[in-house]
Amino acid sequence: LSPTSITRIVQKLGYQKYSDFKKEIELLYREQITPKDMFDNFLNSGIKSEVIQQSIQQDYENLRAMEDNLDEDTLKAVAEKIAKADKVFIIGMFGSEIVVKSLEFYCWRLGKEHECFTGIGLSKKFIFSDAEPGDVLIAISNQRILKEIMESVEFANENGIMTITITDNFTNPLANKADYALVAPVKGKVFDYTHTATLALVD
């Protein structure tokens, strides 16, 4: 659209100028998307006394959706692939790192050879690791699919490494890139994503 058309649309929406419209959209986005602003917005909403009930209710809904999405045959196939793998690589960034740690703990308990990569630069760490066919990559990412996670899955696919993703819905690109996708919603009520359903899936 031309700048003139955008200005007209913005004025019809009730804004004096484009910068006012942009500022309000940015504020709305921050309130709904970024953790600090989600938290501030919740505290200012006047319903903070119900935080426990609302958080538990949201976790319950996530658990229920995870159960509905969980296919027993897929779960068994994933368990078999992990059990038979020479080595398990587990990757995740930022909020997903708690799930990486949980999987790492279970691999250690089971005596399964494994390696975990987290944080910035994980795709390069994985690409230059000793991963090869016969290994399994478990990639964890939710909602905002991070480029480094996607790069790692693509590299694994190109090199004959089995890929398993744990993510929040079947329609995101990560789920479609992997050999197997396990889904657990992460909708949070107060601050950020909640990993209650994801951790239950790992258990």
N, C-alpha and C. Protein backbone atom coordinates (compact mmCIF):
# COMPACT_ATOMS: atom_id res chain seq x y z
N LEU A 1 0.84 -1.21 0.00
CA LEU A 1 0.00 0.00 0.00
C LEU A 1 0.87 1.25 0.00
N SER A 2 0.30 2.29 -0.52
CA SER A 2 1.03 3.57 -0.51
C SER A 2 0.93 4.19 0.89
N PRO A 3 1.88 5.05 1.26
CA PRO A 3 1.82 5.73 2.55
C PRO A 3 0.51 6.48 2.75
N THR A 4 -0.01 7.06 1.67
CA THR A 4 -1.27 7.80 1.76
C THR A 4 -2.42 6.88 2.16
N SER A 5 -2.47 5.68 1.54
CA SER A 5 -3.54 4.71 1.86
C SER A 5 -3.46 4.28 3.32
N ILE A 6 -2.25 4.04 3.79
CA ILE A 6 -2.06 3.63 5.19
C ILE A 6 -2.52 4.74 6.13
N THR A 7 -2.16 5.97 5.81
CA THR A 7 -2.57 7.10 6.64
C THR A 7 -4.08 7.21 6.70
N ARG A 8 -4.76 7.03 5.56
CA ARG A 8 -6.23 7.09 5.53
C ARG A 8 -6.85 6.00 6.40
N ILE A 9 -6.34 4.77 6.26
CA ILE A 9 -6.86 3.64 7.04
C ILE A 9 -6.69 3.90 8.54
N VAL A 10 -5.51 4.36 8.93
CA VAL A 10 -5.22 4.64 10.33
C VAL A 10 -6.16 5.72 10.87
N GLN A 11 -6.42 6.76 10.07
CA GLN A 11 -7.32 7.83 10.50
C GLN A 11 -8.76 7.33 10.62
N LYS A 12 -9.17 6.43 9.71
CA LYS A 12 -10.52 5.84 9.81
C LYS A 12 -10.66 4.98 11.07
N LEU A 13 -9.55 4.43 11.53
CA LEU A 13 -9.56 3.65 12.77
C LEU A 13 -9.57 4.54 14.01
N GLY A 14 -9.46 5.85 13.80
CA GLY A 14 -9.57 6.78 14.92
C GLY A 14 -8.26 7.34 15.44
N TYR A 15 -7.17 7.09 14.74
CA TYR A 15 -5.87 7.63 15.17
C TYR A 15 -5.56 8.90 14.39
N GLN A 16 -4.90 9.85 15.06
CA GLN A 16 -4.53 11.10 14.38
C GLN A 16 -3.40 10.88 13.38
N LYS A 17 -2.42 10.04 13.78
CA LYS A 17 -1.28 9.78 12.90
C LYS A 17 -0.81 8.34 13.02
N TYR A 18 -0.02 7.93 12.05
CA TYR A 18 0.46 6.55 11.98
C TYR A 18 1.28 6.17 13.22
N SER A 19 2.09 7.08 13.73
CA SER A 19 2.95 6.78 14.89
C SER A 19 2.11 6.42 16.12
N ASP A 20 0.92 7.05 16.28
CA ASP A 20 0.03 6.70 17.40
C ASP A 20 -0.48 5.27 17.26
N PHE A 21 -0.87 4.94 16.03
CA PHE A 21 -1.34 3.58 15.74
C PHE A 21 -0.23 2.56 16.02
N LYS A 22 0.95 2.85 15.54
CA LYS A 22 2.10 1.95 15.71
C LYS A 22 2.42 1.73 17.20
N LYS A 23 2.36 2.83 17.96
CA LYS A 23 2.67 2.75 19.40
C LYS A 23 1.66 1.86 20.12
N GLU A 24 0.38 2.00 19.77
CA GLU A 24 -0.65 1.19 20.44
C GLU A 24 -0.54 -0.28 20.07
N ILE A 25 -0.25 -0.57 18.80
CA ILE A 25 -0.07 -1.96 18.36
C ILE A 25 1.12 -2.59 19.08
N GLU A 26 2.19 -1.82 19.19
CA GLU A 26 3.39 -2.32 19.88
C GLU A 26 3.08 -2.63 21.34
N LEU A 27 2.35 -1.73 21.99
CA LEU A 27 1.98 -1.93 23.39
C LEU A 27 1.12 -3.18 23.55
N LEU A 28 0.14 -3.35 22.66
CA LEU A 28 -0.74 -4.53 22.70
C LEU A 28 0.08 -5.81 22.52
N TYR A 29 1.00 -5.79 21.57
CA TYR A 29 1.86 -6.95 21.32
C TYR A 29 2.68 -7.29 22.56
N ARG A 30 3.29 -6.26 23.16
CA ARG A 30 4.13 -6.49 24.34
C ARG A 30 3.31 -7.05 25.50
N GLU A 31 2.09 -6.55 25.68
CA GLU A 31 1.24 -7.03 26.77
C GLU A 31 0.87 -8.50 26.60
N GLN A 32 0.73 -8.93 25.36
CA GLN A 32 0.27 -10.29 25.10
C GLN A 32 1.40 -11.29 24.88
N ILE A 33 2.59 -10.82 24.52
CA ILE A 33 3.65 -11.72 24.08
C ILE A 33 4.85 -11.78 25.01
N THR A 34 5.38 -10.64 25.44
CA THR A 34 6.63 -10.68 26.20
C THR A 34 6.35 -10.97 27.67
N PRO A 35 7.19 -11.81 28.32
CA PRO A 35 6.93 -12.25 29.69
C PRO A 35 6.74 -11.12 30.69
N LYS A 36 7.63 -10.13 30.71
CA LYS A 36 7.51 -9.07 31.72
C LYS A 36 6.21 -8.30 31.55
N ASP A 37 5.87 -7.99 30.31
CA ASP A 37 4.65 -7.22 30.07
C ASP A 37 3.40 -8.05 30.33
N MET A 38 3.46 -9.37 30.02
CA MET A 38 2.34 -10.25 30.36
C MET A 38 2.10 -10.23 31.86
N PHE A 39 3.20 -10.29 32.62
CA PHE A 39 3.11 -10.31 34.07
C PHE A 39 2.56 -8.99 34.60
N ASP A 40 3.11 -7.86 34.11
CA ASP A 40 2.62 -6.55 34.54
C ASP A 40 1.14 -6.37 34.19
N ASN A 41 0.76 -6.81 33.00
CA ASN A 41 -0.62 -6.71 32.56
C ASN A 41 -1.54 -7.51 33.47
N PHE A 42 -1.07 -8.71 33.86
CA PHE A 42 -1.87 -9.55 34.76
C PHE A 42 -2.04 -8.87 36.12
N LEU A 43 -0.95 -8.34 36.66
CA LEU A 43 -1.01 -7.69 37.97
C LEU A 43 -1.92 -6.47 37.96
N ASN A 44 -1.96 -5.78 36.82
CA ASN A 44 -2.79 -4.57 36.73
C ASN A 44 -4.24 -4.85 36.36
N SER A 45 -4.56 -6.12 36.12
CA SER A 45 -5.91 -6.46 35.67
C SER A 45 -6.91 -6.55 36.82
N GLY A 46 -6.41 -6.53 38.07
CA GLY A 46 -7.31 -6.56 39.22
C GLY A 46 -7.80 -7.94 39.60
N ILE A 47 -7.22 -9.01 39.02
CA ILE A 47 -7.67 -10.37 39.35
C ILE A 47 -6.52 -11.20 39.91
N LYS A 48 -5.50 -10.53 40.48
CA LYS A 48 -4.33 -11.26 40.95
C LYS A 48 -4.66 -12.22 42.09
N SER A 49 -5.76 -11.97 42.82
CA SER A 49 -6.12 -12.88 43.91
C SER A 49 -6.47 -14.27 43.40
N GLU A 50 -6.77 -14.38 42.10
CA GLU A 50 -7.14 -15.68 41.54
C GLU A 50 -5.98 -16.34 40.79
N VAL A 51 -4.77 -15.85 41.02
CA VAL A 51 -3.63 -16.32 40.24
C VAL A 51 -3.43 -17.83 40.38
N ILE A 52 -3.58 -18.37 41.58
CA ILE A 52 -3.36 -19.81 41.78
C ILE A 52 -4.38 -20.62 41.00
N GLN A 53 -5.66 -20.26 41.17
CA GLN A 53 -6.72 -20.99 40.47
C GLN A 53 -6.57 -20.90 38.96
N GLN A 54 -6.26 -19.69 38.46
CA GLN A 54 -6.14 -19.52 37.01
C GLN A 54 -4.95 -20.29 36.45
N SER A 55 -3.84 -20.26 37.17
CA SER A 55 -2.64 -20.98 36.71
C SER A 55 -2.88 -22.49 36.69
N ILE A 56 -3.49 -22.99 37.74
CA ILE A 56 -3.77 -24.43 37.80
C ILE A 56 -4.77 -24.83 36.73
N GLN A 57 -5.78 -24.00 36.51
CA GLN A 57 -6.77 -24.29 35.47
C GLN A 57 -6.12 -24.32 34.09
N GLN A 58 -5.20 -23.38 33.82
CA GLN A 58 -4.51 -23.36 32.53
C GLN A 58 -3.64 -24.59 32.36
N ASP A 59 -2.94 -24.98 33.42
CA ASP A 59 -2.11 -26.19 33.36
C ASP A 59 -2.97 -27.42 33.11
N TYR A 60 -4.12 -27.45 33.76
CA TYR A 60 -5.04 -28.58 33.57
C TYR A 60 -5.50 -28.65 32.11
N GLU A 61 -5.85 -27.50 31.53
CA GLU A 61 -6.27 -27.47 30.13
C GLU A 61 -5.15 -27.92 29.20
N ASN A 62 -3.91 -27.50 29.50
CA ASN A 62 -2.75 -27.92 28.70
C ASN A 62 -2.53 -29.43 28.80
N LEU A 63 -2.64 -29.96 30.01
CA LEU A 63 -2.48 -31.40 30.21
C LEU A 63 -3.54 -32.19 29.45
N ARG A 64 -4.75 -31.68 29.50
CA ARG A 64 -5.84 -32.37 28.82
C ARG A 64 -5.65 -32.37 27.30
N ALA A 65 -5.22 -31.22 26.77
CA ALA A 65 -4.96 -31.10 25.34
C ALA A 65 -3.79 -32.00 24.94
N MET A 66 -2.77 -32.08 25.78
CA MET A 66 -1.64 -32.97 25.51
C MET A 66 -2.10 -34.42 25.43
N GLU A 67 -2.95 -34.81 26.38
CA GLU A 67 -3.47 -36.18 26.39
C GLU A 67 -4.29 -36.46 25.13
N ASP A 68 -5.11 -35.50 24.72
CA ASP A 68 -5.93 -35.66 23.52
C ASP A 68 -5.07 -35.79 22.26
N ASN A 69 -3.93 -35.08 22.23
CA ASN A 69 -3.06 -35.08 21.06
C ASN A 69 -2.08 -36.26 21.02
N LEU A 70 -1.99 -36.97 22.12
CA LEU A 70 -0.96 -38.00 22.24
C LEU A 70 -1.43 -39.31 21.61
N ASP A 71 -0.71 -39.72 20.58
CA ASP A 71 -1.00 -40.98 19.90
C ASP A 71 -0.10 -42.06 20.49
N GLU A 72 -0.70 -43.12 21.00
CA GLU A 72 0.07 -44.15 21.70
C GLU A 72 1.10 -44.83 20.79
N ASP A 73 0.73 -45.06 19.54
CA ASP A 73 1.67 -45.68 18.60
C ASP A 73 2.89 -44.80 18.35
N THR A 74 2.64 -43.50 18.21
CA THR A 74 3.75 -42.56 18.02
C THR A 74 4.65 -42.53 19.25
N LEU A 75 4.04 -42.50 20.42
CA LEU A 75 4.81 -42.48 21.66
C LEU A 75 5.68 -43.73 21.79
N LYS A 76 5.12 -44.89 21.46
CA LYS A 76 5.89 -46.15 21.51
C LYS A 76 7.03 -46.12 20.50
N ALA A 77 6.75 -45.62 19.30
CA ALA A 77 7.78 -45.54 18.26
C ALA A 77 8.92 -44.63 18.70
N VAL A 78 8.58 -43.49 19.30
CA VAL A 78 9.60 -42.56 19.79
C VAL A 78 10.44 -43.22 20.88
N ALA A 79 9.79 -43.90 21.81
CA ALA A 79 10.51 -44.58 22.89
C ALA A 79 11.47 -45.62 22.33
N GLU A 80 11.03 -46.35 21.32
CA GLU A 80 11.88 -47.38 20.70
C GLU A 80 13.08 -46.74 20.00
N LYS A 81 12.85 -45.65 19.28
CA LYS A 81 13.94 -44.97 18.58
C LYS A 81 14.99 -44.46 19.57
N ILE A 82 14.53 -43.91 20.68
CA ILE A 82 15.46 -43.43 21.71
C ILE A 82 16.22 -44.59 22.33
N ALA A 83 15.51 -45.67 22.62
CA ALA A 83 16.15 -46.84 23.24
C ALA A 83 17.22 -47.46 22.34
N LYS A 84 16.96 -47.48 21.03
CA LYS A 84 17.89 -48.11 20.09
C LYS A 84 18.98 -47.18 19.58
N ALA A 85 18.87 -45.89 19.86
CA ALA A 85 19.84 -44.93 19.34
C ALA A 85 21.22 -45.16 19.93
N ASP A 86 22.24 -44.94 19.11
CA ASP A 86 23.61 -45.00 19.62
C ASP A 86 23.84 -43.87 20.62
N LYS A 87 23.32 -42.69 20.27
CA LYS A 87 23.48 -41.53 21.14
C LYS A 87 22.28 -40.62 20.94
N VAL A 88 21.85 -39.97 22.01
CA VAL A 88 20.71 -39.04 21.95
C VAL A 88 21.23 -37.62 22.12
N PHE A 89 20.89 -36.76 21.16
CA PHE A 89 21.21 -35.34 21.26
C PHE A 89 19.92 -34.60 21.60
N ILE A 90 19.99 -33.72 22.59
CA ILE A 90 18.81 -32.97 23.03
C ILE A 90 19.13 -31.49 22.93
N ILE A 91 18.25 -30.74 22.22
CA ILE A 91 18.51 -29.31 22.05
C ILE A 91 17.28 -28.48 22.41
N GLY A 92 17.51 -27.30 22.93
CA GLY A 92 16.44 -26.37 23.25
C GLY A 92 17.03 -25.04 23.68
N MET A 93 16.28 -23.98 23.48
CA MET A 93 16.75 -22.64 23.83
C MET A 93 15.78 -21.94 24.76
N PHE A 94 16.35 -21.17 25.66
CA PHE A 94 15.61 -20.26 26.54
C PHE A 94 14.56 -21.01 27.36
N GLY A 95 13.27 -20.73 27.17
CA GLY A 95 12.24 -21.36 27.99
C GLY A 95 12.21 -22.87 27.89
N SER A 96 12.63 -23.40 26.75
CA SER A 96 12.59 -24.86 26.54
C SER A 96 13.72 -25.60 27.26
N GLU A 97 14.68 -24.86 27.80
CA GLU A 97 15.84 -25.50 28.41
C GLU A 97 15.47 -26.32 29.64
N ILE A 98 14.38 -25.97 30.32
CA ILE A 98 13.94 -26.76 31.47
C ILE A 98 13.54 -28.18 31.03
N VAL A 99 12.97 -28.30 29.83
CA VAL A 99 12.57 -29.61 29.30
C VAL A 99 13.82 -30.39 28.88
N VAL A 100 14.81 -29.69 28.32
CA VAL A 100 16.09 -30.32 27.97
C VAL A 100 16.70 -30.95 29.22
N LYS A 101 16.71 -30.20 30.33
CA LYS A 101 17.28 -30.69 31.59
C LYS A 101 16.55 -31.92 32.10
N SER A 102 15.22 -31.91 31.95
CA SER A 102 14.42 -33.06 32.39
C SER A 102 14.76 -34.31 31.58
N LEU A 103 14.82 -34.16 30.25
CA LEU A 103 15.20 -35.29 29.39
C LEU A 103 16.62 -35.76 29.67
N GLU A 104 17.51 -34.81 29.92
CA GLU A 104 18.89 -35.15 30.24
C GLU A 104 18.96 -36.01 31.50
N PHE A 105 18.17 -35.64 32.50
CA PHE A 105 18.13 -36.40 33.75
C PHE A 105 17.68 -37.84 33.49
N TYR A 106 16.63 -38.02 32.69
CA TYR A 106 16.13 -39.37 32.43
C TYR A 106 17.13 -40.19 31.60
N CYS A 107 17.81 -39.56 30.65
CA CYS A 107 18.84 -40.27 29.88
C CYS A 107 19.95 -40.75 30.82
N TRP A 108 20.34 -39.87 31.74
CA TRP A 108 21.37 -40.24 32.72
C TRP A 108 20.90 -41.40 33.59
N ARG A 109 19.66 -41.32 34.06
CA ARG A 109 19.11 -42.39 34.92
C ARG A 109 19.04 -43.72 34.18
N LEU A 110 18.77 -43.65 32.87
CA LEU A 110 18.65 -44.88 32.07
C LEU A 110 20.00 -45.35 31.53
N GLY A 111 21.05 -44.59 31.78
CA GLY A 111 22.37 -44.95 31.27
C GLY A 111 22.48 -44.79 29.77
N LYS A 112 21.67 -43.90 29.22
CA LYS A 112 21.67 -43.68 27.76
C LYS A 112 22.70 -42.61 27.41
N GLU A 113 23.59 -42.92 26.49
CA GLU A 113 24.58 -41.92 26.08
C GLU A 113 23.86 -40.74 25.44
N HIS A 114 24.21 -39.55 25.88
CA HIS A 114 23.50 -38.37 25.40
C HIS A 114 24.39 -37.12 25.48
N GLU A 115 23.94 -36.09 24.78
CA GLU A 115 24.60 -34.79 24.84
C GLU A 115 23.54 -33.72 24.64
N CYS A 116 23.65 -32.64 25.41
CA CYS A 116 22.66 -31.57 25.34
C CYS A 116 23.31 -30.27 24.88
N PHE A 117 22.59 -29.53 24.04
CA PHE A 117 23.03 -28.22 23.60
C PHE A 117 21.92 -27.22 23.87
N THR A 118 22.27 -26.13 24.54
CA THR A 118 21.30 -25.08 24.84
C THR A 118 21.92 -23.72 24.55
N GLY A 119 21.06 -22.71 24.49
CA GLY A 119 21.52 -21.33 24.35
C GLY A 119 21.99 -20.98 22.94
N ILE A 120 22.43 -19.74 22.82
CA ILE A 120 22.87 -19.21 21.53
C ILE A 120 24.04 -20.04 21.01
N GLY A 121 24.01 -20.34 19.73
CA GLY A 121 25.09 -21.10 19.11
C GLY A 121 24.91 -22.60 19.14
N LEU A 122 23.74 -23.06 19.61
CA LEU A 122 23.55 -24.51 19.73
C LEU A 122 23.57 -25.23 18.39
N SER A 123 23.10 -24.56 17.33
CA SER A 123 23.07 -25.22 16.02
C SER A 123 24.49 -25.54 15.54
N LYS A 124 25.42 -24.60 15.77
CA LYS A 124 26.81 -24.86 15.37
C LYS A 124 27.41 -25.97 16.24
N LYS A 125 27.09 -25.97 17.52
CA LYS A 125 27.60 -27.03 18.41
C LYS A 125 27.11 -28.39 17.92
N PHE A 126 25.84 -28.46 17.52
CA PHE A 126 25.30 -29.73 17.05
C PHE A 126 25.91 -30.12 15.71
N ILE A 127 26.00 -29.17 14.79
CA ILE A 127 26.54 -29.45 13.46
C ILE A 127 27.98 -29.96 13.54
N PHE A 128 28.75 -29.42 14.48
CA PHE A 128 30.16 -29.82 14.60
C PHE A 128 30.36 -30.89 15.68
N SER A 129 29.28 -31.51 16.13
CA SER A 129 29.39 -32.61 17.09
C SER A 129 29.68 -33.90 16.32
N ASP A 130 29.68 -35.01 17.05
CA ASP A 130 29.95 -36.30 16.40
C ASP A 130 28.67 -37.02 15.99
N ALA A 131 27.55 -36.27 15.84
CA ALA A 131 26.27 -36.87 15.47
C ALA A 131 26.36 -37.54 14.10
N GLU A 132 25.76 -38.72 14.00
CA GLU A 132 25.78 -39.46 12.74
C GLU A 132 24.58 -40.39 12.66
N PRO A 133 24.32 -40.99 11.49
CA PRO A 133 23.19 -41.92 11.39
C PRO A 133 23.29 -42.99 12.48
N GLY A 134 22.14 -43.30 13.06
CA GLY A 134 22.13 -44.20 14.22
C GLY A 134 21.88 -43.44 15.50
N ASP A 135 22.06 -42.10 15.43
CA ASP A 135 21.77 -41.24 16.58
C ASP A 135 20.36 -40.66 16.44
N VAL A 136 19.90 -40.05 17.51
CA VAL A 136 18.59 -39.39 17.51
C VAL A 136 18.76 -37.96 18.00
N LEU A 137 18.09 -37.03 17.32
CA LEU A 137 18.04 -35.64 17.77
C LEU A 137 16.64 -35.37 18.31
N ILE A 138 16.57 -34.88 19.54
CA ILE A 138 15.30 -34.43 20.12
C ILE A 138 15.37 -32.91 20.21
N ALA A 139 14.52 -32.24 19.43
CA ALA A 139 14.51 -30.77 19.37
C ALA A 139 13.26 -30.25 20.06
N ILE A 140 13.44 -29.29 20.96
CA ILE A 140 12.33 -28.77 21.74
C ILE A 140 12.18 -27.27 21.48
N SER A 141 11.01 -26.86 21.03
CA SER A 141 10.74 -25.44 20.81
C SER A 141 9.23 -25.22 20.75
N ASN A 142 8.80 -24.08 21.26
CA ASN A 142 7.36 -23.80 21.34
C ASN A 142 7.02 -22.43 20.79
N GLN A 143 5.88 -22.35 20.10
CA GLN A 143 5.30 -21.11 19.58
C GLN A 143 6.26 -20.36 18.67
N ARG A 144 7.18 -19.60 19.21
CA ARG A 144 8.15 -18.92 18.36
C ARG A 144 9.27 -19.89 18.03
N ILE A 145 9.20 -20.51 16.87
CA ILE A 145 10.19 -21.51 16.50
C ILE A 145 11.50 -20.79 16.17
N LEU A 146 12.54 -21.11 16.91
CA LEU A 146 13.81 -20.41 16.76
C LEU A 146 14.63 -20.97 15.61
N LYS A 147 15.29 -20.07 14.91
CA LYS A 147 16.04 -20.42 13.71
C LYS A 147 17.09 -21.50 13.98
N GLU A 148 17.78 -21.41 15.10
CA GLU A 148 18.84 -22.38 15.40
C GLU A 148 18.28 -23.79 15.61
N ILE A 149 17.11 -23.88 16.18
CA ILE A 149 16.47 -25.20 16.37
C ILE A 149 16.13 -25.78 15.00
N MET A 150 15.56 -24.96 14.13
CA MET A 150 15.19 -25.40 12.79
C MET A 150 16.42 -25.82 11.99
N GLU A 151 17.49 -25.05 12.09
CA GLU A 151 18.73 -25.38 11.39
C GLU A 151 19.27 -26.74 11.83
N SER A 152 19.18 -27.02 13.12
CA SER A 152 19.68 -28.29 13.65
C SER A 152 18.86 -29.47 13.12
N VAL A 153 17.54 -29.29 13.08
CA VAL A 153 16.66 -30.36 12.57
C VAL A 153 16.92 -30.58 11.08
N GLU A 154 17.07 -29.49 10.34
CA GLU A 154 17.35 -29.63 8.90
C GLU A 154 18.68 -30.33 8.66
N PHE A 155 19.69 -30.00 9.45
CA PHE A 155 20.99 -30.65 9.33
C PHE A 155 20.86 -32.15 9.63
N ALA A 156 20.12 -32.47 10.69
CA ALA A 156 19.92 -33.88 11.05
C ALA A 156 19.21 -34.64 9.93
N ASN A 157 18.17 -34.03 9.37
CA ASN A 157 17.43 -34.66 8.27
C ASN A 157 18.33 -34.94 7.07
N GLU A 158 19.17 -33.96 6.74
CA GLU A 158 20.07 -34.10 5.58
C GLU A 158 21.13 -35.17 5.79
N ASN A 159 21.42 -35.49 7.06
CA ASN A 159 22.50 -36.42 7.36
C ASN A 159 22.02 -37.75 7.93
N GLY A 160 20.74 -38.05 7.71
CA GLY A 160 20.21 -39.36 8.09
C GLY A 160 20.08 -39.61 9.58
N ILE A 161 19.98 -38.54 10.36
CA ILE A 161 19.82 -38.65 11.81
C ILE A 161 18.33 -38.55 12.14
N MET A 162 17.82 -39.50 12.89
CA MET A 162 16.40 -39.51 13.27
C MET A 162 16.07 -38.24 14.06
N THR A 163 14.94 -37.59 13.71
CA THR A 163 14.54 -36.37 14.40
C THR A 163 13.20 -36.53 15.10
N ILE A 164 13.17 -36.07 16.34
CA ILE A 164 11.96 -36.06 17.16
C ILE A 164 11.79 -34.65 17.69
N THR A 165 10.61 -34.09 17.57
CA THR A 165 10.39 -32.76 18.13
C THR A 165 9.33 -32.83 19.22
N ILE A 166 9.52 -31.98 20.20
CA ILE A 166 8.51 -31.76 21.24
C ILE A 166 8.14 -30.29 21.12
N THR A 167 6.89 -30.04 20.77
CA THR A 167 6.47 -28.67 20.51
C THR A 167 5.01 -28.50 20.91
N ASP A 168 4.44 -27.32 20.64
CA ASP A 168 3.13 -27.02 21.20
C ASP A 168 1.96 -27.27 20.26
N ASN A 169 2.22 -27.47 18.95
CA ASN A 169 1.10 -27.80 18.05
C ASN A 169 1.63 -28.45 16.78
N PHE A 170 0.76 -29.17 16.10
CA PHE A 170 1.15 -29.93 14.92
C PHE A 170 1.32 -29.07 13.68
N THR A 171 0.87 -27.83 13.73
CA THR A 171 0.88 -27.01 12.51
C THR A 171 2.15 -26.17 12.36
N ASN A 172 2.99 -26.13 13.37
CA ASN A 172 4.19 -25.29 13.22
C ASN A 172 5.24 -25.99 12.37
N PRO A 173 6.16 -25.23 11.79
CA PRO A 173 7.14 -25.79 10.86
C PRO A 173 8.01 -26.88 11.48
N LEU A 174 8.32 -26.75 12.75
CA LEU A 174 9.19 -27.72 13.41
C LEU A 174 8.56 -29.11 13.43
N ALA A 175 7.28 -29.17 13.75
CA ALA A 175 6.57 -30.46 13.78
C ALA A 175 6.56 -31.11 12.41
N ASN A 176 6.45 -30.30 11.37
CA ASN A 176 6.38 -30.83 10.01
C ASN A 176 7.74 -31.26 9.46
N LYS A 177 8.82 -30.75 10.05
CA LYS A 177 10.17 -31.09 9.58
C LYS A 177 10.68 -32.41 10.16
N ALA A 178 10.12 -32.84 11.27
CA ALA A 178 10.68 -33.98 12.01
C ALA A 178 10.07 -35.31 11.58
N ASP A 179 10.80 -36.39 11.90
CA ASP A 179 10.27 -37.72 11.65
C ASP A 179 9.10 -38.01 12.59
N TYR A 180 9.21 -37.54 13.83
CA TYR A 180 8.14 -37.72 14.82
C TYR A 180 7.94 -36.41 15.57
N ALA A 181 6.67 -36.09 15.84
CA ALA A 181 6.35 -34.88 16.61
C ALA A 181 5.45 -35.25 17.79
N LEU A 182 5.85 -34.80 18.96
CA LEU A 182 5.04 -34.94 20.16
C LEU A 182 4.58 -33.54 20.57
N VAL A 183 3.31 -33.42 20.92
CA VAL A 183 2.73 -32.09 21.15
C VAL A 183 2.23 -31.94 22.58
N ALA A 184 2.62 -30.82 23.20
CA ALA A 184 2.11 -30.46 24.52
C ALA A 184 1.98 -28.94 24.57
N PRO A 185 0.76 -28.41 24.74
CA PRO A 185 0.57 -26.96 24.78
C PRO A 185 1.32 -26.31 25.95
N VAL A 186 1.72 -25.06 25.75
CA VAL A 186 2.49 -24.33 26.77
C VAL A 186 1.83 -23.00 27.13
N LYS A 187 0.52 -22.89 26.91
CA LYS A 187 -0.17 -21.61 27.18
C LYS A 187 -0.07 -21.28 28.66
N GLY A 188 0.46 -20.08 28.95
CA GLY A 188 0.58 -19.63 30.33
C GLY A 188 -0.50 -18.63 30.66
N LYS A 189 -0.78 -18.49 31.93
CA LYS A 189 -1.84 -17.57 32.34
C LYS A 189 -1.26 -16.27 32.90
N VAL A 190 -0.10 -16.34 33.52
CA VAL A 190 0.38 -15.18 34.25
C VAL A 190 1.65 -14.58 33.67
N PHE A 191 2.71 -15.37 33.54
CA PHE A 191 4.01 -14.78 33.24
C PHE A 191 4.54 -15.19 31.88
N ASP A 192 4.82 -16.44 31.70
CA ASP A 192 5.44 -16.92 30.48
C ASP A 192 4.79 -18.25 30.13
N TYR A 193 5.41 -18.99 29.22
CA TYR A 193 4.90 -20.32 28.93
C TYR A 193 4.94 -21.16 30.20
N THR A 194 4.06 -22.15 30.27
CA THR A 194 4.12 -23.12 31.37
C THR A 194 4.47 -24.47 30.77
N HIS A 195 5.41 -25.15 31.38
CA HIS A 195 5.90 -26.42 30.84
C HIS A 195 5.34 -27.63 31.58
N THR A 196 4.26 -27.43 32.31
CA THR A 196 3.66 -28.54 33.07
C THR A 196 3.30 -29.71 32.15
N ALA A 197 2.61 -29.43 31.04
CA ALA A 197 2.20 -30.50 30.12
C ALA A 197 3.42 -31.12 29.42
N THR A 198 4.38 -30.27 29.05
CA THR A 198 5.58 -30.77 28.38
C THR A 198 6.37 -31.71 29.29
N LEU A 199 6.51 -31.32 30.54
CA LEU A 199 7.24 -32.17 31.50
C LEU A 199 6.48 -33.45 31.77
N ALA A 200 5.16 -33.38 31.79
CA ALA A 200 4.35 -34.59 31.96
C ALA A 200 4.54 -35.52 30.77
N LEU A 201 4.65 -34.95 29.59
CA LEU A 201 4.90 -35.73 28.37
C LEU A 201 6.24 -36.43 28.48
N VAL A 202 7.26 -35.72 28.93
CA VAL A 202 8.59 -36.31 29.11
C VAL A 202 8.53 -37.44 30.13
N ASP A 203 7.83 -37.23 31.24
CA ASP A 203 7.67 -38.29 32.25
C ASP A 203 7.05 -39.53 31.65
